[in-house]
Amino acid sequence: MSKKQTSEAELVKCEVCLKEVPASAAEHSETDDYVAHFCGLECYQQWRKKKADTPRDN
């Protein structure tokens, strides 16, 4: 199996709803220590809102 076929077959879980989606189709956001994956724009927006509403420790 080629690298392209492997990456297309790889599944990742949406950070919000935990739905599995192909890595090649997932939206992603690089955060402080990891990359978060999202099944679509709606889940990404929910995640951003939750992250913005969460107070940060200094």
C-alpha atoms as a PDB file:
ATOM      1  CA  MET A   1       0.000   0.000   0.000  1.00  0.00           C
ATOM      2  CA  SER A   2       1.418   3.410  -0.937  1.00  0.00           C
ATOM      3  CA  LYS A   3       1.744   6.308   1.503  1.00  0.00           C
ATOM      4  CA  LYS A   4      -1.127   8.103  -0.244  1.00  0.00           C
ATOM      5  CA  GLN A   5      -3.446   5.097   0.104  1.00  0.00           C
ATOM      6  CA  THR A   6      -2.453   4.673   3.749  1.00  0.00           C
ATOM      7  CA  SER A   7      -3.185   8.300   4.648  1.00  0.00           C
ATOM      8  CA  GLU A   8      -6.540   8.219   2.843  1.00  0.00           C
ATOM      9  CA  ALA A   9      -7.553   5.079   4.733  1.00  0.00           C
ATOM     10  CA  GLU A  10      -6.428   6.463   8.121  1.00  0.00           C
ATOM     11  CA  LEU A  11      -9.316   7.536  10.343  1.00  0.00           C
ATOM     12  CA  VAL A  12      -9.194  10.274  12.964  1.00  0.00           C
ATOM     13  CA  LYS A  13     -11.808  11.210  15.554  1.00  0.00           C
ATOM     14  CA  CYS A  14     -13.516  14.588  15.544  1.00  0.00           C
ATOM     15  CA  GLU A  15     -12.433  16.528  18.651  1.00  0.00           C
ATOM     16  CA  VAL A  16     -16.072  17.510  19.394  1.00  0.00           C
ATOM     17  CA  CYS A  17     -18.454  14.702  18.400  1.00  0.00           C
ATOM     18  CA  LEU A  18     -15.875  11.865  18.198  1.00  0.00           C
ATOM     19  CA  LYS A  19     -17.151  10.814  14.759  1.00  0.00           C
ATOM     20  CA  GLU A  20     -14.450   8.992  12.786  1.00  0.00           C
ATOM     21  CA  VAL A  21     -13.555  10.633   9.490  1.00  0.00           C
ATOM     22  CA  PRO A  22     -10.798   9.978   6.950  1.00  0.00           C
ATOM     23  CA  ALA A  23      -7.679  11.974   7.848  1.00  0.00           C
ATOM     24  CA  SER A  24      -7.586  13.343   4.309  1.00  0.00           C
ATOM     25  CA  ALA A  25     -11.088  14.866   4.728  1.00  0.00           C
ATOM     26  CA  ALA A  26     -10.794  16.150   8.299  1.00  0.00           C
ATOM     27  CA  GLU A  27     -10.489  19.809   9.171  1.00  0.00           C
ATOM     28  CA  HIS A  28      -7.666  20.390  11.632  1.00  0.00           C
ATOM     29  CA  SER A  29      -6.250  23.002  13.923  1.00  0.00           C
ATOM     30  CA  GLU A  30      -2.754  23.016  15.363  1.00  0.00           C
ATOM     31  CA  THR A  31      -3.038  23.796  19.036  1.00  0.00           C
ATOM     32  CA  ASP A  32      -0.377  24.239  21.712  1.00  0.00           C
ATOM     33  CA  ASP A  33       0.684  20.599  22.026  1.00  0.00           C
ATOM     34  CA  TYR A  34      -1.266  18.621  19.444  1.00  0.00           C
ATOM     35  CA  VAL A  35      -3.352  18.717  16.285  1.00  0.00           C
ATOM     36  CA  ALA A  36      -7.128  18.582  16.754  1.00  0.00           C
ATOM     37  CA  HIS A  37      -9.298  17.075  14.008  1.00  0.00           C
ATOM     38  CA  PHE A  38     -12.895  17.974  13.180  1.00  0.00           C
ATOM     39  CA  CYS A  39     -15.501  16.307  10.978  1.00  0.00           C
ATOM     40  CA  GLY A  40     -16.636  19.688   9.682  1.00  0.00           C
ATOM     41  CA  LEU A  41     -16.921  23.409  10.195  1.00  0.00           C
ATOM     42  CA  GLU A  42     -19.792  23.162  12.677  1.00  0.00           C
ATOM     43  CA  CYS A  43     -17.772  21.041  15.141  1.00  0.00           C
ATOM     44  CA  TYR A  44     -14.715  23.235  14.622  1.00  0.00           C
ATOM     45  CA  GLN A  45     -16.733  26.348  15.498  1.00  0.00           C
ATOM     46  CA  GLN A  46     -18.134  24.679  18.629  1.00  0.00           C
ATOM     47  CA  TRP A  47     -14.598  23.745  19.703  1.00  0.00           C
ATOM     48  CA  ARG A  48     -13.294  27.287  19.089  1.00  0.00           C
ATOM     49  CA  LYS A  49     -16.157  28.785  21.118  1.00  0.00           C
ATOM     50  CA  LYS A  50     -15.557  26.388  24.011  1.00  0.00           C
ATOM     51  CA  LYS A  51     -11.814  27.097  23.905  1.00  0.00           C
ATOM     52  CA  ALA A  52     -12.442  30.880  23.903  1.00  0.00           C
ATOM     53  CA  ASP A  53     -14.863  30.573  26.855  1.00  0.00           C
ATOM     54  CA  THR A  54     -12.410  28.531  28.939  1.00  0.00           C
ATOM     55  CA  PRO A  55     -10.199  30.677  31.209  1.00  0.00           C
ATOM     56  CA  ARG A  56      -6.462  30.070  30.797  1.00  0.00           C
ATOM     57  CA  ASP A  57      -4.060  29.510  33.669  1.00  0.00           C
ATOM     58  CA  ASN A  58      -1.150  31.942  33.760  1.00  0.00           C
END
